[in-house]
Amino acid sequence: MEKPTSPASLSRPPVGQAAGLPEIATQPVAPPVEQATGSPSFPMEKPTSPASLSRPPVGQAAGLPEIATQPVAPPVERAAGSHSPSFYESLRYFNPRTEITNKTRSLPHWRQPGVTYFITFRLADSLPAEKRHELEWSLTQPDQDNHPTFTPHLEELLDSGYGECLLQNPTHAKIVADCLHHFDGQRYDLLAWVVMPNHVHVLVRPLDGHDIDKVLHTWKSYTAHEINKALGRSGPLWQNESYDHIVRDPQALWSIANYIIKNPAKAGYQTPFVESRVPNT
């Protein structure tokens, strides 16, 4: 396959090695730029990220057709680990006045062009059967704005550490982290992500011409192949359906990124496989 090239203008942050590396030094973050008229800006207060969380190293992806098998050029370093202010000004959010495509299966999957998504995909054994039905029911209950919700109870269920928790193994977690970074800046822009023991959270904006469902399929199919290969087994790795949510506004973007970066500490888990590029998270 043709070797993907990282655009010079879209650099990637370094992804660190497994746990045990020195912490990444905290650097001052420039005040967030005001959003377009009518949209709130990011909060000015800077929450403290858990000191024990460092960032994992970007590796090379190999194997499946969706991922190039040739060596990938080293990524250009991204200063201060964040996108430029103009990047955030360009983000688009959920618009109730724009047509919504609903690709509902067991769960709702709302789609609008050019928007940013909060996505959660989890291992097939991450919830007991009776809780899966509860999850599916809760995600079909919209909020006051008729928007699907990701409830605190669902967060607690996932963070309880049910199942094998294969992603607690740094080798498996790094496979996922490397895959997320592989097409960053080419097919999508990563804003925040974390690999938890039995699930993954990603805040992402697909770029023009790239469908979020195809992006998600690539992530899940490639990582399933590689992790199963490392384990010397076959069979389903991920739950068939994933949870996704269109980000509503800049305040929601900040809140989701803040949740992602703090998720490990909240669950009592230490991992280097976590990152947020959203200002003040």
Protein backbone atom coordinates (compact mmCIF):
# COMPACT_ATOMS: atom_id res chain seq x y z
CA MET A 1 0.00 0.00 0.00
CA GLU A 2 1.00 3.58 -0.44
CA LYS A 3 2.96 4.87 2.51
CA PRO A 4 0.96 7.48 4.44
CA THR A 5 2.68 10.79 4.89
CA SER A 6 2.17 12.94 7.95
CA PRO A 7 1.31 16.50 6.87
CA ALA A 8 4.01 18.85 8.11
CA SER A 9 1.41 21.22 9.51
CA LEU A 10 -0.22 18.54 11.64
CA SER A 11 2.37 17.16 14.04
CA ARG A 12 1.88 14.28 16.39
CA PRO A 13 2.76 14.24 20.05
CA PRO A 14 5.19 11.58 21.19
CA VAL A 15 3.55 8.49 22.62
CA GLY A 16 5.63 7.13 25.47
CA GLN A 17 6.78 3.67 26.40
CA ALA A 18 5.07 1.52 28.95
CA ALA A 19 4.59 2.66 32.55
CA GLY A 20 7.71 3.69 34.41
CA LEU A 21 8.94 6.54 32.23
CA PRO A 22 9.59 9.89 33.86
CA GLU A 23 6.65 12.21 33.99
CA ILE A 24 6.18 14.73 31.23
CA ALA A 25 7.03 18.16 32.51
CA THR A 26 4.05 20.45 32.85
CA GLN A 27 4.33 23.50 30.63
CA PRO A 28 2.24 26.68 30.75
CA VAL A 29 -0.74 26.54 28.45
CA ALA A 30 -1.74 29.64 26.53
CA PRO A 31 -5.20 31.07 27.40
CA PRO A 32 -7.88 29.53 25.19
CA VAL A 33 -9.11 31.50 22.22
CA GLU A 34 -12.71 32.68 22.32
CA GLN A 35 -15.01 30.68 20.06
CA ALA A 36 -17.24 32.15 17.39
CA THR A 37 -20.03 34.47 18.49
CA GLY A 38 -22.71 32.62 20.38
CA SER A 39 -20.42 29.77 21.52
CA PRO A 40 -18.89 29.71 25.01
CA SER A 41 -15.11 29.62 25.38
CA PHE A 42 -13.15 26.99 27.27
CA PRO A 43 -13.01 27.48 31.06
CA MET A 44 -9.97 29.45 32.16
CA GLU A 45 -9.28 27.36 35.25
CA LYS A 46 -6.75 24.61 34.52
CA PRO A 47 -7.56 21.30 36.24
CA THR A 48 -4.55 19.34 37.39
CA SER A 49 -3.83 16.21 35.39
CA PRO A 50 -2.75 13.20 37.48
CA ALA A 51 1.02 13.49 37.89
CA SER A 52 1.52 9.79 37.37
CA LEU A 53 0.14 9.79 33.84
CA SER A 54 2.72 10.03 31.07
CA ARG A 55 2.25 9.61 27.34
CA PRO A 56 2.95 6.49 25.31
CA PRO A 57 5.29 6.20 22.27
CA VAL A 58 3.91 6.16 18.73
CA GLY A 59 4.87 2.84 17.15
CA GLN A 60 4.57 1.53 13.63
CA ALA A 61 1.42 -0.19 12.58
CA ALA A 62 1.66 -3.31 10.45
CA GLY A 63 -0.46 -6.14 9.24
CA LEU A 64 -3.97 -5.36 8.08
CA PRO A 65 -4.80 -3.80 4.70
CA GLU A 66 -6.17 -0.64 6.30
CA ILE A 67 -2.77 0.04 7.92
CA ALA A 68 0.28 0.48 5.73
CA THR A 69 2.94 -2.20 6.15
CA GLN A 70 5.85 0.01 5.11
CA PRO A 71 7.89 1.94 7.70
CA VAL A 72 6.21 5.20 8.64
CA ALA A 73 8.22 8.42 8.71
CA PRO A 74 8.84 9.76 12.24
CA PRO A 75 6.09 12.18 13.26
CA VAL A 76 6.82 15.89 13.54
CA GLU A 77 6.79 16.97 17.16
CA ARG A 78 3.74 18.99 18.21
CA ALA A 79 4.70 21.91 20.41
CA ALA A 80 3.18 21.89 23.90
CA GLY A 81 1.01 18.89 23.02
CA SER A 82 -1.91 20.87 21.69
CA HIS A 83 -3.46 22.07 18.44
CA SER A 84 -3.24 25.71 17.38
CA PRO A 85 -5.93 28.20 18.48
CA SER A 86 -7.22 28.41 14.90
CA PHE A 87 -7.79 24.64 14.96
CA TYR A 88 -10.27 24.96 17.82
CA GLU A 89 -12.00 27.88 16.11
CA SER A 90 -12.58 25.60 13.11
CA LEU A 91 -14.29 22.80 15.06
CA ARG A 92 -17.94 22.12 14.31
CA TYR A 93 -20.46 20.89 16.86
CA PHE A 94 -23.89 19.29 17.00
CA ASN A 95 -26.45 21.43 15.18
CA PRO A 96 -30.12 20.64 15.89
CA ARG A 97 -31.11 22.58 12.75
CA THR A 98 -28.99 20.38 10.49
CA GLU A 99 -30.13 17.03 9.17
CA ILE A 100 -29.15 14.08 11.35
CA THR A 101 -28.40 10.65 9.94
CA ASN A 102 -29.30 8.01 12.53
CA LYS A 103 -27.57 4.67 11.93
CA THR A 104 -29.37 2.93 14.77
CA ARG A 105 -28.76 -0.74 15.48
CA SER A 106 -29.03 -1.68 19.15
CA LEU A 107 -27.66 1.77 20.01
CA PRO A 108 -28.25 5.16 18.37
CA HIS A 109 -25.47 6.45 16.09
CA TRP A 110 -26.13 10.04 15.07
CA ARG A 111 -24.11 11.47 12.20
CA GLN A 112 -23.59 15.02 10.92
CA PRO A 113 -20.86 16.18 8.50
CA GLY A 114 -17.68 17.72 9.90
CA VAL A 115 -18.50 17.38 13.60
CA THR A 116 -16.40 16.09 16.50
CA TYR A 117 -17.26 12.78 18.22
CA PHE A 118 -16.75 11.28 21.65
CA ILE A 119 -16.34 7.53 21.06
CA THR A 120 -16.12 4.64 23.51
CA PHE A 121 -15.37 1.11 22.37
CA ARG A 122 -14.96 -1.74 24.84
CA LEU A 123 -13.77 -5.31 25.06
CA ALA A 124 -16.37 -8.01 24.41
CA ASP A 125 -16.25 -9.25 28.03
CA SER A 126 -16.19 -5.81 29.70
CA LEU A 127 -19.74 -6.09 31.03
CA PRO A 128 -21.81 -9.07 32.25
CA ALA A 129 -24.76 -10.01 30.04
CA GLU A 130 -27.42 -8.48 32.30
CA LYS A 131 -25.51 -5.18 32.39
CA ARG A 132 -25.21 -5.09 28.59
CA HIS A 133 -28.99 -4.90 28.32
CA GLU A 134 -29.02 -2.10 30.88
CA LEU A 135 -26.34 -0.25 28.92
CA GLU A 136 -28.26 -0.56 25.65
CA TRP A 137 -31.44 0.68 27.31
CA SER A 138 -29.75 3.66 28.97
CA LEU A 139 -28.13 4.78 25.72
CA THR A 140 -31.47 4.83 23.93
CA GLN A 141 -32.88 7.31 26.48
CA PRO A 142 -32.15 10.83 25.16
CA ASP A 143 -31.57 13.86 27.37
CA GLN A 144 -33.73 17.00 27.43
CA ASP A 145 -32.33 18.02 24.05
CA ASN A 146 -33.17 14.61 22.56
CA HIS A 147 -29.46 13.73 22.53
CA PRO A 148 -28.19 10.25 23.51
CA THR A 149 -26.39 10.28 26.86
CA PHE A 150 -23.41 8.55 28.44
CA THR A 151 -24.54 8.15 32.06
CA PRO A 152 -22.40 8.18 35.23
CA HIS A 153 -23.73 4.70 36.00
CA LEU A 154 -22.38 3.43 32.68
CA GLU A 155 -19.01 5.00 33.47
CA GLU A 156 -18.94 3.20 36.82
CA LEU A 157 -19.77 -0.13 35.16
CA LEU A 158 -16.90 0.19 32.69
CA ASP A 159 -14.45 1.44 35.32
CA SER A 160 -15.24 -1.47 37.67
CA GLY A 161 -12.73 -3.64 35.78
CA TYR A 162 -14.99 -6.49 34.74
CA GLY A 163 -13.63 -9.22 32.42
CA GLU A 164 -10.05 -10.13 31.47
CA CYS A 165 -9.03 -6.46 31.15
CA LEU A 166 -6.58 -7.34 28.37
CA LEU A 167 -5.67 -3.68 27.82
CA GLN A 168 -4.08 -3.55 31.26
CA ASN A 169 -1.15 -5.31 29.60
CA PRO A 170 1.14 -2.52 28.29
CA THR A 171 1.87 -4.50 25.10
CA HIS A 172 -1.81 -4.65 24.21
CA ALA A 173 -2.47 -1.04 25.26
CA LYS A 174 0.41 0.15 23.07
CA ILE A 175 -1.06 -1.65 20.05
CA VAL A 176 -4.23 0.43 20.52
CA ALA A 177 -2.32 3.69 21.15
CA ASP A 178 -0.15 3.20 18.06
CA CYS A 179 -3.19 2.44 15.93
CA LEU A 180 -4.99 5.60 17.10
CA HIS A 181 -1.96 7.71 16.14
CA HIS A 182 -1.27 6.04 12.81
CA PHE A 183 -3.62 8.15 10.68
CA ASP A 184 -3.82 11.14 13.02
CA GLY A 185 -3.68 14.28 10.87
CA GLN A 186 -4.44 12.32 7.68
CA ARG A 187 -7.88 10.76 8.18
CA TYR A 188 -8.84 12.42 11.48
CA ASP A 189 -7.60 14.74 14.21
CA LEU A 190 -7.20 13.31 17.70
CA LEU A 191 -8.13 15.68 20.51
CA ALA A 192 -8.01 13.34 23.52
CA TRP A 193 -7.84 9.61 24.19
CA VAL A 194 -7.20 7.02 26.90
CA VAL A 195 -6.72 3.25 26.91
CA MET A 196 -8.37 1.82 30.03
CA PRO A 197 -8.11 -1.87 31.10
CA ASN A 198 -11.28 -2.92 29.26
CA HIS A 199 -12.33 0.06 27.12
CA VAL A 200 -11.04 3.02 25.10
CA HIS A 201 -12.27 6.63 25.02
CA VAL A 202 -11.46 8.85 22.01
CA LEU A 203 -12.34 12.47 21.24
CA VAL A 204 -11.85 12.81 17.49
CA ARG A 205 -12.76 14.86 14.42
CA PRO A 206 -12.82 12.95 11.10
CA LEU A 207 -11.33 14.92 8.23
CA ASP A 208 -13.18 15.63 4.98
CA GLY A 209 -13.72 12.51 2.92
CA HIS A 210 -13.26 10.13 5.85
CA ASP A 211 -16.24 8.45 7.48
CA ILE A 212 -16.13 8.01 11.27
CA ASP A 213 -17.64 4.52 11.00
CA LYS A 214 -14.84 3.39 8.67
CA VAL A 215 -12.23 4.96 10.97
CA LEU A 216 -13.68 3.11 13.95
CA HIS A 217 -13.84 -0.16 11.99
CA THR A 218 -10.14 0.19 11.12
CA TRP A 219 -9.20 0.79 14.77
CA LYS A 220 -11.15 -2.20 16.01
CA SER A 221 -10.29 -4.68 13.25
CA TYR A 222 -6.56 -3.91 13.24
CA THR A 223 -6.15 -3.95 17.03
CA ALA A 224 -8.21 -7.14 17.36
CA HIS A 225 -5.96 -8.83 14.80
CA GLU A 226 -2.74 -7.70 16.49
CA ILE A 227 -3.80 -8.38 20.09
CA ASN A 228 -5.17 -11.82 19.20
CA LYS A 229 -1.89 -12.55 17.41
CA ALA A 230 0.07 -11.53 20.51
CA LEU A 231 -2.14 -13.81 22.62
CA GLY A 232 -1.94 -16.68 20.15
CA ARG A 233 -5.69 -16.95 19.79
CA SER A 234 -8.59 -15.88 17.59
CA GLY A 235 -12.17 -14.76 17.99
CA PRO A 236 -14.02 -11.53 18.84
CA LEU A 237 -12.05 -9.03 20.91
CA TRP A 238 -14.29 -5.95 20.92
CA GLN A 239 -17.99 -5.60 21.60
CA ASN A 240 -19.69 -5.32 18.22
CA GLU A 241 -21.26 -1.90 18.77
CA SER A 242 -19.51 1.17 20.12
CA TYR A 243 -20.91 4.19 21.88
CA ASP A 244 -20.56 7.53 20.08
CA HIS A 245 -21.77 11.04 20.85
CA ILE A 246 -21.61 14.24 18.77
CA VAL A 247 -19.97 16.96 20.84
CA ARG A 248 -22.43 19.80 21.38
CA ASP A 249 -20.30 22.91 22.00
CA PRO A 250 -16.86 24.11 23.22
CA GLN A 251 -17.86 23.66 26.86
CA ALA A 252 -18.85 20.03 26.19
CA LEU A 253 -15.58 19.48 24.30
CA TRP A 254 -13.60 20.67 27.31
CA SER A 255 -15.69 18.61 29.75
CA ILE A 256 -15.23 15.41 27.72
CA ALA A 257 -11.48 15.94 27.30
CA ASN A 258 -11.20 16.65 31.02
CA TYR A 259 -13.12 13.46 31.80
CA ILE A 260 -10.85 11.42 29.50
CA ILE A 261 -7.58 12.72 31.01
CA LYS A 262 -8.85 12.12 34.56
CA ASN A 263 -10.53 8.77 33.91
CA PRO A 264 -7.55 6.61 34.99
CA ALA A 265 -7.10 8.41 38.32
CA LYS A 266 -10.84 8.33 38.97
CA ALA A 267 -10.84 4.56 38.42
CA GLY A 268 -7.72 4.07 40.57
CA TYR A 269 -5.64 3.04 37.57
CA GLN A 270 -2.21 4.26 36.45
CA THR A 271 -1.32 4.27 32.77
CA PRO A 272 0.94 6.17 30.39
CA PHE A 273 -1.53 5.61 27.54
CA VAL A 274 -3.55 8.80 27.91
CA GLU A 275 -3.47 12.26 26.33
CA SER A 276 -5.45 15.45 25.87
CA ARG A 277 -4.60 18.24 23.43
CA VAL A 278 -7.56 20.39 24.46
CA PRO A 279 -6.44 23.58 26.26
CA ASN A 280 -6.62 23.64 30.06
CA THR A 281 -7.24 19.91 30.57
